[in-house]
PDB file of N, CA and C in Angstrom:
ATOM      1  N   MET A   1      17.128 -26.691 -62.415  1.00  0.00           N
ATOM      2  CA  MET A   1      16.246 -27.133 -63.467  1.00  0.00           C
ATOM      3  C   MET A   1      17.008 -28.087 -64.370  1.00  0.00           C
ATOM      4  N   SER A   2      16.334 -29.133 -64.815  1.00  0.00           N
ATOM      5  CA  SER A   2      17.002 -30.110 -65.668  1.00  0.00           C
ATOM      6  C   SER A   2      17.068 -29.624 -67.110  1.00  0.00           C
ATOM      7  N   GLU A   3      17.947 -30.238 -67.861  1.00  0.00           N
ATOM      8  CA  GLU A   3      18.159 -29.879 -69.260  1.00  0.00           C
ATOM      9  C   GLU A   3      16.967 -30.325 -70.110  1.00  0.00           C
ATOM     10  N   VAL A   4      16.561 -29.497 -71.048  1.00  0.00           N
ATOM     11  CA  VAL A   4      15.490 -29.851 -71.971  1.00  0.00           C
ATOM     12  C   VAL A   4      16.074 -30.771 -73.033  1.00  0.00           C
ATOM     13  N   ARG A   5      15.349 -31.840 -73.353  1.00  0.00           N
ATOM     14  CA  ARG A   5      15.808 -32.739 -74.405  1.00  0.00           C
ATOM     15  C   ARG A   5      14.622 -33.156 -75.245  1.00  0.00           C
ATOM     16  N   LEU A   6      14.886 -33.353 -76.520  1.00  0.00           N
ATOM     17  CA  LEU A   6      13.844 -33.791 -77.429  1.00  0.00           C
ATOM     18  C   LEU A   6      13.653 -35.288 -77.279  1.00  0.00           C
ATOM     19  N   ILE A   7      12.401 -35.733 -77.261  1.00  0.00           N
ATOM     20  CA  ILE A   7      12.105 -37.156 -77.145  1.00  0.00           C
ATOM     21  C   ILE A   7      11.144 -37.565 -78.255  1.00  0.00           C
ATOM     22  N   ASP A   8      11.023 -38.840 -78.466  1.00  0.00           N
ATOM     23  CA  ASP A   8      10.063 -39.372 -79.413  1.00  0.00           C
ATOM     24  C   ASP A   8       8.761 -39.614 -78.650  1.00  0.00           C
ATOM     25  N   ALA A   9       7.825 -38.692 -78.761  1.00  0.00           N
ATOM     26  CA  ALA A   9       6.574 -38.771 -78.013  1.00  0.00           C
ATOM     27  C   ALA A   9       5.762 -39.996 -78.405  1.00  0.00           C
ATOM     28  N   ASN A  10       5.819 -40.397 -79.660  1.00  0.00           N
ATOM     29  CA  ASN A  10       5.065 -41.573 -80.092  1.00  0.00           C
ATOM     30  C   ASN A  10       5.591 -42.843 -79.426  1.00  0.00           C
ATOM     31  N   ALA A  11       6.909 -42.974 -79.335  1.00  0.00           N
ATOM     32  CA  ALA A  11       7.499 -44.137 -78.668  1.00  0.00           C
ATOM     33  C   ALA A  11       7.171 -44.124 -77.178  1.00  0.00           C
ATOM     34  N   LEU A  12       7.204 -42.949 -76.561  1.00  0.00           N
ATOM     35  CA  LEU A  12       6.874 -42.837 -75.144  1.00  0.00           C
ATOM     36  C   LEU A  12       5.419 -43.222 -74.899  1.00  0.00           C
ATOM     37  N   LYS A  13       4.528 -42.753 -75.760  1.00  0.00           N
ATOM     38  CA  LYS A  13       3.110 -43.075 -75.617  1.00  0.00           C
ATOM     39  C   LYS A  13       2.881 -44.574 -75.762  1.00  0.00           C
ATOM     40  N   THR A  14       3.539 -45.198 -76.721  1.00  0.00           N
ATOM     41  CA  THR A  14       3.410 -46.649 -76.904  1.00  0.00           C
ATOM     42  C   THR A  14       3.856 -47.393 -75.660  1.00  0.00           C
ATOM     43  N   GLU A  15       4.968 -46.952 -75.085  1.00  0.00           N
ATOM     44  CA  GLU A  15       5.488 -47.590 -73.865  1.00  0.00           C
ATOM     45  C   GLU A  15       4.536 -47.388 -72.686  1.00  0.00           C
ATOM     46  N   PHE A  16       3.983 -46.191 -72.545  1.00  0.00           N
ATOM     47  CA  PHE A  16       2.998 -45.927 -71.489  1.00  0.00           C
ATOM     48  C   PHE A  16       1.789 -46.846 -71.640  1.00  0.00           C
ATOM     49  N   LEU A  17       1.278 -46.940 -72.851  1.00  0.00           N
ATOM     50  CA  LEU A  17       0.100 -47.782 -73.081  1.00  0.00           C
ATOM     51  C   LEU A  17       0.396 -49.242 -72.777  1.00  0.00           C
ATOM     52  N   ARG A  18       1.601 -49.672 -73.104  1.00  0.00           N
ATOM     53  CA  ARG A  18       1.984 -51.065 -72.867  1.00  0.00           C
ATOM     54  C   ARG A  18       2.140 -51.360 -71.374  1.00  0.00           C
ATOM     55  N   LYS A  19       2.744 -50.438 -70.633  1.00  0.00           N
ATOM     56  CA  LYS A  19       3.057 -50.698 -69.222  1.00  0.00           C
ATOM     57  C   LYS A  19       2.011 -50.200 -68.239  1.00  0.00           C
ATOM     58  N   VAL A  20       1.395 -49.060 -68.540  1.00  0.00           N
ATOM     59  CA  VAL A  20       0.525 -48.422 -67.560  1.00  0.00           C
ATOM     60  C   VAL A  20      -0.940 -48.453 -67.974  1.00  0.00           C
ATOM     61  N   GLY A  21      -1.184 -48.346 -69.232  1.00  0.00           N
ATOM     62  CA  GLY A  21      -2.556 -48.244 -69.717  1.00  0.00           C
ATOM     63  C   GLY A  21      -2.809 -46.848 -70.234  1.00  0.00           C
ATOM     64  N   GLY A  22      -4.022 -46.567 -70.600  1.00  0.00           N
ATOM     65  CA  GLY A  22      -4.376 -45.317 -71.246  1.00  0.00           C
ATOM     66  C   GLY A  22      -4.507 -44.116 -70.341  1.00  0.00           C
ATOM     67  N   ASP A  23      -4.373 -44.282 -69.039  1.00  0.00           N
ATOM     68  CA  ASP A  23      -4.613 -43.177 -68.115  1.00  0.00           C
ATOM     69  C   ASP A  23      -3.705 -41.977 -68.339  1.00  0.00           C
ATOM     70  N   PHE A  24      -2.476 -42.211 -68.734  1.00  0.00           N
ATOM     71  CA  PHE A  24      -1.529 -41.119 -68.875  1.00  0.00           C
ATOM     72  C   PHE A  24      -1.217 -40.749 -70.324  1.00  0.00           C
ATOM     73  N   ALA A  25      -1.747 -41.498 -71.272  1.00  0.00           N
ATOM     74  CA  ALA A  25      -1.434 -41.255 -72.675  1.00  0.00           C
ATOM     75  C   ALA A  25      -1.872 -39.866 -73.127  1.00  0.00           C
ATOM     76  N   ASP A  26      -2.986 -39.354 -72.587  1.00  0.00           N
ATOM     77  CA  ASP A  26      -3.448 -38.024 -72.983  1.00  0.00           C
ATOM     78  C   ASP A  26      -2.514 -36.928 -72.503  1.00  0.00           C
ATOM     79  N   ILE A  27      -1.771 -37.170 -71.438  1.00  0.00           N
ATOM     80  CA  ILE A  27      -0.790 -36.191 -70.955  1.00  0.00           C
ATOM     81  C   ILE A  27       0.288 -35.994 -72.020  1.00  0.00           C
ATOM     82  N   ILE A  28       0.720 -37.080 -72.632  1.00  0.00           N
ATOM     83  CA  ILE A  28       1.734 -36.997 -73.681  1.00  0.00           C
ATOM     84  C   ILE A  28       1.184 -36.256 -74.892  1.00  0.00           C
ATOM     85  N   ASP A  29      -0.059 -36.578 -75.269  1.00  0.00           N
ATOM     86  CA  ASP A  29      -0.674 -35.912 -76.424  1.00  0.00           C
ATOM     87  C   ASP A  29      -0.791 -34.411 -76.222  1.00  0.00           C
ATOM     88  N   ASN A  30      -0.996 -33.977 -74.990  1.00  0.00           N
ATOM     89  CA  ASN A  30      -1.207 -32.561 -74.701  1.00  0.00           C
ATOM     90  C   ASN A  30       0.054 -31.831 -74.233  1.00  0.00           C
ATOM     91  N   ALA A  31       1.174 -32.541 -74.185  1.00  0.00           N
ATOM     92  CA  ALA A  31       2.425 -31.914 -73.761  1.00  0.00           C
ATOM     93  C   ALA A  31       2.868 -30.885 -74.794  1.00  0.00           C
ATOM     94  N   PRO A  32       3.491 -29.791 -74.342  1.00  0.00           N
ATOM     95  CA  PRO A  32       3.940 -28.773 -75.296  1.00  0.00           C
ATOM     96  C   PRO A  32       5.058 -29.304 -76.196  1.00  0.00           C
ATOM     97  N   THR A  33       5.046 -28.850 -77.421  1.00  0.00           N
ATOM     98  CA  THR A  33       6.097 -29.204 -78.361  1.00  0.00           C
ATOM     99  C   THR A  33       7.252 -28.239 -78.164  1.00  0.00           C
ATOM    100  N   VAL A  34       8.430 -28.773 -77.961  1.00  0.00           N
ATOM    101  CA  VAL A  34       9.598 -27.937 -77.742  1.00  0.00           C
ATOM    102  C   VAL A  34       9.965 -27.221 -79.026  1.00  0.00           C
ATOM    103  N   GLU A  35      10.045 -27.964 -80.090  1.00  0.00           N
ATOM    104  CA  GLU A  35      10.449 -27.376 -81.363  1.00  0.00           C
ATOM    105  C   GLU A  35      10.126 -28.351 -82.480  1.00  0.00           C
ATOM    106  N   GLU A  36       9.524 -27.849 -83.499  1.00  0.00           N
ATOM    107  CA  GLU A  36       9.318 -28.659 -84.687  1.00  0.00           C
ATOM    108  C   GLU A  36      10.251 -28.128 -85.757  1.00  0.00           C
ATOM    109  N   ARG A  37      11.009 -29.010 -86.337  1.00  0.00           N
ATOM    110  CA  ARG A  37      11.932 -28.612 -87.405  1.00  0.00           C
ATOM    111  C   ARG A  37      11.412 -29.119 -88.731  1.00  0.00           C
ATOM    112  N   PRO A  38      11.466 -28.277 -89.742  1.00  0.00           N
ATOM    113  CA  PRO A  38      11.079 -28.757 -91.062  1.00  0.00           C
ATOM    114  C   PRO A  38      12.104 -29.778 -91.559  1.00  0.00           C
ATOM    115  N   GLN A  39      11.668 -30.693 -92.380  1.00  0.00           N
ATOM    116  CA  GLN A  39      12.566 -31.680 -92.978  1.00  0.00           C
ATOM    117  C   GLN A  39      13.073 -31.133 -94.305  1.00  0.00           C
ATOM    118  N   GLY A  40      14.316 -31.376 -94.590  1.00  0.00           N
ATOM    119  CA  GLY A  40      14.905 -30.932 -95.843  1.00  0.00           C
ATOM    120  C   GLY A  40      15.960 -31.922 -96.304  1.00  0.00           C
ATOM    121  N   GLU A  41      16.604 -31.584 -97.375  1.00  0.00           N
ATOM    122  CA  GLU A  41      17.705 -32.410 -97.865  1.00  0.00           C
ATOM    123  C   GLU A  41      18.661 -31.532 -98.661  1.00  0.00           C
ATOM    124  N   TRP A  42      19.902 -31.964 -98.732  1.00  0.00           N
ATOM    125  CA  TRP A  42      20.876 -31.257 -99.555  1.00  0.00           C
ATOM    126  C   TRP A  42      20.682 -31.700-100.988  1.00  0.00           C
ATOM    127  N   ILE A  43      20.522 -30.756-101.904  1.00  0.00           N
ATOM    128  CA  ILE A  43      20.317 -31.049-103.310  1.00  0.00           C
ATOM    129  C   ILE A  43      21.595 -30.690-104.069  1.00  0.00           C
ATOM    130  N   TYR A  44      22.174 -31.684-104.732  1.00  0.00           N
ATOM    131  CA  TYR A  44      23.373 -31.493-105.533  1.00  0.00           C
ATOM    132  C   TYR A  44      22.941 -31.326-106.990  1.00  0.00           C
ATOM    133  N   SER A  45      23.279 -30.204-107.584  1.00  0.00           N
ATOM    134  CA  SER A  45      22.890 -29.972-108.977  1.00  0.00           C
ATOM    135  C   SER A  45      23.867 -29.009-109.637  1.00  0.00           C
ATOM    136  N   GLN A  46      24.457 -29.433-110.721  1.00  0.00           N
ATOM    137  CA  GLN A  46      25.348 -28.602-111.531  1.00  0.00           C
ATOM    138  C   GLN A  46      26.425 -27.912-110.700  1.00  0.00           C
ATOM    139  N   GLY A  47      27.078 -28.672-109.848  1.00  0.00           N
ATOM    140  CA  GLY A  47      28.164 -28.139-109.033  1.00  0.00           C
ATOM    141  C   GLY A  47      27.713 -27.274-107.876  1.00  0.00           C
ATOM    142  N   SER A  48      26.428 -27.196-107.643  1.00  0.00           N
ATOM    143  CA  SER A  48      25.885 -26.381-106.568  1.00  0.00           C
ATOM    144  C   SER A  48      25.237 -27.290-105.522  1.00  0.00           C
ATOM    145  N   LEU A  49      25.250 -26.857-104.301  1.00  0.00           N
ATOM    146  CA  LEU A  49      24.699 -27.613-103.181  1.00  0.00           C
ATOM    147  C   LEU A  49      23.719 -26.714-102.449  1.00  0.00           C
ATOM    148  N   LYS A  50      22.422 -27.067-102.456  1.00  0.00           N
ATOM    149  CA  LYS A  50      21.412 -26.192-101.872  1.00  0.00           C
ATOM    150  C   LYS A  50      20.472 -26.933-100.937  1.00  0.00           C
ATOM    151  N   CYS A  51      19.932 -26.184 -99.985  1.00  0.00           N
ATOM    152  CA  CYS A  51      18.910 -26.693 -99.073  1.00  0.00           C
ATOM    153  C   CYS A  51      17.581 -26.754 -99.824  1.00  0.00           C
ATOM    154  N   SER A  52      16.885 -27.866 -99.704  1.00  0.00           N
ATOM    155  CA  SER A  52      15.615 -28.028-100.408  1.00  0.00           C
ATOM    156  C   SER A  52      14.503 -27.168 -99.802  1.00  0.00           C
ATOM    157  N   ARG A  53      14.680 -26.689 -98.572  1.00  0.00           N
ATOM    158  CA  ARG A  53      13.646 -25.880 -97.920  1.00  0.00           C
ATOM    159  C   ARG A  53      13.778 -24.390 -98.227  1.00  0.00           C
ATOM    160  N   CYS A  54      14.968 -23.843 -98.053  1.00  0.00           N
ATOM    161  CA  CYS A  54      15.124 -22.387 -98.166  1.00  0.00           C
ATOM    162  C   CYS A  54      15.981 -21.959 -99.351  1.00  0.00           C
ATOM    163  N   GLY A  55      16.619 -22.921-100.015  1.00  0.00           N
ATOM    164  CA  GLY A  55      17.460 -22.590-101.156  1.00  0.00           C
ATOM    165  C   GLY A  55      18.852 -22.114-100.777  1.00  0.00           C
ATOM    166  N   TYR A  56      19.197 -22.193 -99.493  1.00  0.00           N
ATOM    167  CA  TYR A  56      20.533 -21.785 -99.043  1.00  0.00           C
ATOM    168  C   TYR A  56      21.604 -22.483 -99.873  1.00  0.00           C
ATOM    169  N   ASP A  57      22.508 -21.729-100.467  1.00  0.00           N
ATOM    170  CA  ASP A  57      23.583 -22.263-101.301  1.00  0.00           C
ATOM    171  C   ASP A  57      24.805 -22.501-100.431  1.00  0.00           C
ATOM    172  N   ASP A  58      25.128 -23.756-100.241  1.00  0.00           N
ATOM    173  CA  ASP A  58      26.227 -24.147 -99.352  1.00  0.00           C
ATOM    174  C   ASP A  58      27.478 -24.550-100.133  1.00  0.00           C
ATOM    175  N   THR A  59      27.543 -24.222-101.386  1.00  0.00           N
ATOM    176  CA  THR A  59      28.640 -24.663-102.235  1.00  0.00           C
ATOM    177  C   THR A  59      29.997 -24.229-101.684  1.00  0.00           C
ATOM    178  N   ARG A  60      30.090 -23.041-101.126  1.00  0.00           N
ATOM    179  CA  ARG A  60      31.385 -22.543-100.632  1.00  0.00           C
ATOM    180  C   ARG A  60      31.615 -22.829 -99.152  1.00  0.00           C
ATOM    181  N   ASN A  61      30.576 -23.023 -98.380  1.00  0.00           N
ATOM    182  CA  ASN A  61      30.732 -23.166 -96.926  1.00  0.00           C
ATOM    183  C   ASN A  61      30.977 -24.597 -96.470  1.00  0.00           C
ATOM    184  N   HIS A  62      30.634 -25.571 -97.302  1.00  0.00           N
ATOM    185  CA  HIS A  62      30.900 -26.979 -97.022  1.00  0.00           C
ATOM    186  C   HIS A  62      30.303 -27.456 -95.699  1.00  0.00           C
ATOM    187  N   LYS A  63      29.087 -27.029 -95.400  1.00  0.00           N
ATOM    188  CA  LYS A  63      28.410 -27.496 -94.198  1.00  0.00           C
ATOM    189  C   LYS A  63      27.380 -28.580 -94.531  1.00  0.00           C
ATOM    190  N   ALA A  64      27.393 -29.076 -95.742  1.00  0.00           N
ATOM    191  CA  ALA A  64      26.393 -30.047 -96.171  1.00  0.00           C
ATOM    192  C   ALA A  64      26.517 -31.369 -95.431  1.00  0.00           C
ATOM    193  N   ASN A  65      27.649 -31.595 -94.798  1.00  0.00           N
ATOM    194  CA  ASN A  65      27.747 -32.794 -93.976  1.00  0.00           C
ATOM    195  C   ASN A  65      27.061 -32.574 -92.628  1.00  0.00           C
ATOM    196  N   SER A  66      26.522 -31.367 -92.433  1.00  0.00           N
ATOM    197  CA  SER A  66      25.802 -31.031 -91.222  1.00  0.00           C
ATOM    198  C   SER A  66      24.421 -31.672 -91.247  1.00  0.00           C
ATOM    199  N   ASN A  67      23.891 -31.986 -90.080  1.00  0.00           N
ATOM    200  CA  ASN A  67      22.561 -32.560 -89.970  1.00  0.00           C
ATOM    201  C   ASN A  67      21.458 -31.521 -90.114  1.00  0.00           C
ATOM    202  N   PHE A  68      21.822 -30.242 -90.088  1.00  0.00           N
ATOM    203  CA  PHE A  68      20.843 -29.166 -90.151  1.00  0.00           C
ATOM    204  C   PHE A  68      21.328 -28.064 -91.084  1.00  0.00           C
ATOM    205  N   CYS A  69      20.403 -27.412 -91.766  1.00  0.00           N
ATOM    206  CA  CYS A  69      20.755 -26.280 -92.615  1.00  0.00           C
ATOM    207  C   CYS A  69      21.156 -25.112 -91.718  1.00  0.00           C
ATOM    208  N   PRO A  70      22.308 -24.481 -91.948  1.00  0.00           N
ATOM    209  CA  PRO A  70      22.732 -23.374 -91.110  1.00  0.00           C
ATOM    210  C   PRO A  70      21.888 -22.119 -91.314  1.00  0.00           C
ATOM    211  N   ASN A  71      21.106 -22.057 -92.374  1.00  0.00           N
ATOM    212  CA  ASN A  71      20.289 -20.887 -92.641  1.00  0.00           C
ATOM    213  C   ASN A  71      18.887 -20.998 -92.036  1.00  0.00           C
ATOM    214  N   CYS A  72      18.160 -22.087 -92.331  1.00  0.00           N
ATOM    215  CA  CYS A  72      16.763 -22.189 -91.877  1.00  0.00           C
ATOM    216  C   CYS A  72      16.567 -23.218 -90.757  1.00  0.00           C
ATOM    217  N   GLY A  73      17.598 -24.004 -90.451  1.00  0.00           N
ATOM    218  CA  GLY A  73      17.491 -24.984 -89.365  1.00  0.00           C
ATOM    219  C   GLY A  73      16.809 -26.282 -89.744  1.00  0.00           C
ATOM    220  N   ALA A  74      16.516 -26.471 -91.028  1.00  0.00           N
ATOM    221  CA  ALA A  74      15.841 -27.709 -91.450  1.00  0.00           C
ATOM    222  C   ALA A  74      16.674 -28.918 -91.082  1.00  0.00           C
ATOM    223  N   ASP A  75      16.002 -29.980 -90.659  1.00  0.00           N
ATOM    224  CA  ASP A  75      16.637 -31.239 -90.312  1.00  0.00           C
ATOM    225  C   ASP A  75      16.964 -31.985 -91.600  1.00  0.00           C
ATOM    226  N   MET A  76      18.239 -32.179 -91.874  1.00  0.00           N
ATOM    227  CA  MET A  76      18.682 -32.794 -93.119  1.00  0.00           C
ATOM    228  C   MET A  76      18.978 -34.283 -92.985  1.00  0.00           C
ATOM    229  N   ARG A  77      18.604 -34.873 -91.877  1.00  0.00           N
ATOM    230  CA  ARG A  77      18.929 -36.279 -91.631  1.00  0.00           C
ATOM    231  C   ARG A  77      17.957 -37.254 -92.290  1.00  0.00           C
ATOM    232  N   GLY A  78      16.892 -36.759 -92.891  1.00  0.00           N
ATOM    233  CA  GLY A  78      15.885 -37.651 -93.463  1.00  0.00           C
ATOM    234  C   GLY A  78      14.945 -38.121 -92.369  1.00  0.00           C
ATOM    235  N   GLU A  79      13.928 -38.828 -92.748  1.00  0.00           N
ATOM    236  CA  GLU A  79      12.912 -39.247 -91.752  1.00  0.00           C
ATOM    237  C   GLU A  79      13.205 -40.597 -91.198  1.00  0.00           C
TER     238      GLU A  79
END
């Protein structure tokens, strides 16, 4: 079995429509979602560093350079 990877379904659909036409675009729309991650950001305030989604305080762990919150999994890379 091949490895599961996240793709940009909107970009794939645009490419399908451009090259093939609308016949297969509905397959993309109905494909299962592997995982949806909430969007978040690191909030710096008064010497504290917190996740905007769950409030995880990362002041001591220094994982804020991470792309994801280690507590709730929010995507911290921005949109």
